[in-house]
N, C-alpha and C. Protein backbone atom coordinates (compact mmCIF):
# COMPACT_ATOMS: atom_id res chain seq x y z
N MET A 1 -6.33 100.26 -19.56
CA MET A 1 -7.07 99.66 -18.48
C MET A 1 -8.47 99.35 -19.01
N HIS A 2 -8.94 98.16 -18.71
CA HIS A 2 -10.25 97.72 -19.17
C HIS A 2 -11.31 97.97 -18.10
N LEU A 3 -12.55 97.85 -18.49
CA LEU A 3 -13.68 98.11 -17.59
C LEU A 3 -13.60 97.25 -16.33
N GLY A 4 -13.32 95.98 -16.48
CA GLY A 4 -13.21 95.09 -15.31
C GLY A 4 -12.10 95.52 -14.37
N ASP A 5 -10.99 95.99 -14.93
CA ASP A 5 -9.88 96.48 -14.10
C ASP A 5 -10.32 97.68 -13.26
N LEU A 6 -11.06 98.58 -13.88
CA LEU A 6 -11.53 99.77 -13.15
C LEU A 6 -12.44 99.39 -12.00
N ILE A 7 -13.33 98.44 -12.25
CA ILE A 7 -14.24 98.00 -11.20
C ILE A 7 -13.47 97.35 -10.06
N LEU A 8 -12.46 96.56 -10.40
CA LEU A 8 -11.69 95.87 -9.37
C LEU A 8 -10.81 96.80 -8.54
N ILE A 9 -10.34 97.91 -9.11
CA ILE A 9 -9.47 98.79 -8.33
C ILE A 9 -10.23 99.82 -7.50
N THR A 10 -11.54 99.90 -7.67
CA THR A 10 -12.32 100.89 -6.92
C THR A 10 -12.13 100.77 -5.41
N PRO A 11 -12.20 99.58 -4.82
CA PRO A 11 -11.95 99.48 -3.37
C PRO A 11 -10.52 99.90 -3.01
N PHE A 12 -9.56 99.59 -3.88
CA PHE A 12 -8.17 99.99 -3.63
C PHE A 12 -8.05 101.51 -3.59
N LEU A 13 -8.75 102.20 -4.49
CA LEU A 13 -8.70 103.66 -4.50
C LEU A 13 -9.24 104.24 -3.20
N GLN A 14 -10.26 103.62 -2.64
CA GLN A 14 -10.81 104.08 -1.36
C GLN A 14 -9.79 103.93 -0.25
N VAL A 15 -9.11 102.78 -0.21
CA VAL A 15 -8.09 102.54 0.81
C VAL A 15 -6.91 103.48 0.61
N LEU A 16 -6.50 103.67 -0.63
CA LEU A 16 -5.40 104.58 -0.92
C LEU A 16 -5.72 105.99 -0.47
N ARG A 17 -6.91 106.46 -0.74
CA ARG A 17 -7.33 107.80 -0.32
C ARG A 17 -7.32 107.93 1.20
N ARG A 18 -7.77 106.90 1.87
CA ARG A 18 -7.82 106.93 3.34
C ARG A 18 -6.42 106.99 3.95
N HIS A 19 -5.48 106.26 3.37
CA HIS A 19 -4.13 106.18 3.95
C HIS A 19 -3.16 107.20 3.38
N ALA A 20 -3.50 107.79 2.26
CA ALA A 20 -2.63 108.80 1.64
C ALA A 20 -3.48 110.02 1.29
N GLY A 21 -4.26 110.46 2.24
CA GLY A 21 -5.23 111.53 2.02
C GLY A 21 -4.65 112.82 1.49
N GLY A 22 -3.41 113.13 1.82
CA GLY A 22 -2.81 114.38 1.36
C GLY A 22 -2.20 114.29 -0.02
N SER A 23 -2.21 113.11 -0.61
CA SER A 23 -1.60 112.92 -1.92
C SER A 23 -2.60 113.14 -3.04
N ASP A 24 -2.09 113.53 -4.20
CA ASP A 24 -2.92 113.61 -5.40
C ASP A 24 -2.92 112.24 -6.07
N ILE A 25 -4.09 111.75 -6.39
CA ILE A 25 -4.22 110.46 -7.05
C ILE A 25 -4.62 110.72 -8.50
N THR A 26 -3.77 110.27 -9.42
CA THR A 26 -4.02 110.43 -10.84
C THR A 26 -4.21 109.05 -11.45
N LEU A 27 -5.24 108.90 -12.26
CA LEU A 27 -5.52 107.63 -12.91
C LEU A 27 -5.45 107.84 -14.41
N VAL A 28 -4.77 106.92 -15.10
CA VAL A 28 -4.67 106.96 -16.56
C VAL A 28 -5.53 105.82 -17.10
N VAL A 29 -6.54 106.17 -17.90
CA VAL A 29 -7.45 105.16 -18.43
C VAL A 29 -7.73 105.41 -19.90
N ASP A 30 -8.17 104.37 -20.57
CA ASP A 30 -8.61 104.49 -21.96
C ASP A 30 -9.86 105.37 -21.99
N GLU A 31 -9.93 106.25 -22.97
CA GLU A 31 -11.05 107.18 -23.04
C GLU A 31 -12.40 106.48 -23.18
N LYS A 32 -12.41 105.24 -23.63
CA LYS A 32 -13.67 104.49 -23.79
C LYS A 32 -14.32 104.14 -22.46
N VAL A 33 -13.52 104.04 -21.40
CA VAL A 33 -14.08 103.66 -20.09
C VAL A 33 -13.94 104.77 -19.05
N ALA A 34 -13.54 105.94 -19.48
CA ALA A 34 -13.29 107.05 -18.54
C ALA A 34 -14.52 107.46 -17.75
N ASP A 35 -15.69 107.37 -18.36
CA ASP A 35 -16.91 107.80 -17.66
C ASP A 35 -17.20 106.96 -16.42
N VAL A 36 -16.68 105.75 -16.37
CA VAL A 36 -16.90 104.88 -15.21
C VAL A 36 -16.28 105.48 -13.95
N VAL A 37 -15.16 106.18 -14.09
CA VAL A 37 -14.45 106.72 -12.92
C VAL A 37 -14.36 108.24 -12.91
N ARG A 38 -14.95 108.89 -13.88
CA ARG A 38 -14.81 110.35 -14.01
C ARG A 38 -15.22 111.10 -12.74
N TYR A 39 -16.25 110.67 -12.06
CA TYR A 39 -16.74 111.38 -10.87
C TYR A 39 -16.43 110.63 -9.57
N ASN A 40 -15.44 109.76 -9.60
CA ASN A 40 -15.03 109.04 -8.40
C ASN A 40 -14.34 110.03 -7.46
N PRO A 41 -14.84 110.19 -6.24
CA PRO A 41 -14.26 111.17 -5.31
C PRO A 41 -12.86 110.81 -4.84
N ASN A 42 -12.42 109.60 -5.10
CA ASN A 42 -11.09 109.17 -4.67
C ASN A 42 -10.01 109.46 -5.70
N ILE A 43 -10.39 110.04 -6.83
CA ILE A 43 -9.44 110.36 -7.90
C ILE A 43 -9.38 111.88 -8.05
N ASP A 44 -8.17 112.43 -7.98
CA ASP A 44 -8.00 113.87 -8.13
C ASP A 44 -7.88 114.29 -9.60
N HIS A 45 -7.18 113.48 -10.37
CA HIS A 45 -6.93 113.82 -11.78
C HIS A 45 -7.14 112.57 -12.63
N LEU A 46 -7.75 112.77 -13.77
CA LEU A 46 -8.00 111.67 -14.70
C LEU A 46 -7.37 112.03 -16.03
N ILE A 47 -6.49 111.17 -16.50
CA ILE A 47 -5.87 111.34 -17.81
C ILE A 47 -6.42 110.25 -18.72
N THR A 48 -7.03 110.67 -19.82
CA THR A 48 -7.58 109.69 -20.75
C THR A 48 -6.65 109.54 -21.94
N ILE A 49 -6.56 108.32 -22.43
CA ILE A 49 -5.72 108.02 -23.58
C ILE A 49 -6.53 107.23 -24.60
N ASP A 50 -6.07 107.26 -25.83
CA ASP A 50 -6.67 106.49 -26.91
C ASP A 50 -5.65 105.42 -27.29
N LYS A 51 -5.73 104.27 -26.64
CA LYS A 51 -4.72 103.22 -26.83
C LYS A 51 -4.67 102.68 -28.26
N LYS A 52 -5.78 102.69 -28.94
CA LYS A 52 -5.83 102.12 -30.30
C LYS A 52 -5.57 103.18 -31.37
N GLY A 53 -5.48 104.44 -30.97
CA GLY A 53 -5.32 105.51 -31.96
C GLY A 53 -4.11 106.38 -31.69
N ARG A 54 -4.37 107.62 -31.35
CA ARG A 54 -3.31 108.63 -31.26
C ARG A 54 -2.28 108.36 -30.17
N ASP A 55 -2.63 107.60 -29.14
CA ASP A 55 -1.69 107.34 -28.04
C ASP A 55 -1.03 105.97 -28.16
N ASN A 56 -0.94 105.46 -29.37
CA ASN A 56 -0.39 104.13 -29.59
C ASN A 56 1.04 104.21 -30.16
N SER A 57 1.90 104.96 -29.46
CA SER A 57 3.29 105.08 -29.90
C SER A 57 4.18 105.40 -28.70
N VAL A 58 5.46 105.22 -28.88
CA VAL A 58 6.41 105.53 -27.81
C VAL A 58 6.38 107.02 -27.51
N ARG A 59 6.28 107.82 -28.53
CA ARG A 59 6.23 109.28 -28.33
C ARG A 59 5.01 109.68 -27.50
N ALA A 60 3.88 109.08 -27.79
CA ALA A 60 2.66 109.38 -27.02
C ALA A 60 2.83 108.97 -25.57
N LEU A 61 3.44 107.82 -25.33
CA LEU A 61 3.69 107.39 -23.95
C LEU A 61 4.62 108.36 -23.24
N TRP A 62 5.59 108.89 -23.95
CA TRP A 62 6.49 109.89 -23.38
C TRP A 62 5.71 111.12 -22.92
N HIS A 63 4.80 111.59 -23.76
CA HIS A 63 4.00 112.77 -23.41
C HIS A 63 3.08 112.49 -22.22
N ILE A 64 2.54 111.30 -22.15
CA ILE A 64 1.70 110.93 -21.00
C ILE A 64 2.54 110.92 -19.74
N GLY A 65 3.75 110.39 -19.82
CA GLY A 65 4.66 110.40 -18.67
C GLY A 65 4.98 111.81 -18.22
N CYS A 66 5.17 112.71 -19.17
CA CYS A 66 5.43 114.11 -18.82
C CYS A 66 4.23 114.74 -18.11
N ARG A 67 3.03 114.42 -18.56
CA ARG A 67 1.82 114.93 -17.90
C ARG A 67 1.72 114.40 -16.47
N LEU A 68 2.10 113.17 -16.27
CA LEU A 68 2.04 112.59 -14.92
C LEU A 68 3.02 113.27 -13.97
N ARG A 69 4.17 113.69 -14.48
CA ARG A 69 5.16 114.33 -13.62
C ARG A 69 4.73 115.70 -13.15
N ARG A 70 3.81 116.34 -13.84
CA ARG A 70 3.36 117.69 -13.45
C ARG A 70 2.53 117.65 -12.26
């Protein structure tokens, strides 16, 4: 997810929180832009990835998927 994408989804996260208040909202973002949303009150969990480095493989995507299921 790029910086512009994060900025554009911010209003959506507010609406999602309002309509699904009891749900946990997890966002997966590139570690380079994580600080933009790190303290967003509408996000319960933030998973950062390194798309150009260690998380650039099918195995890494599998592990990220496993983290999301928890």
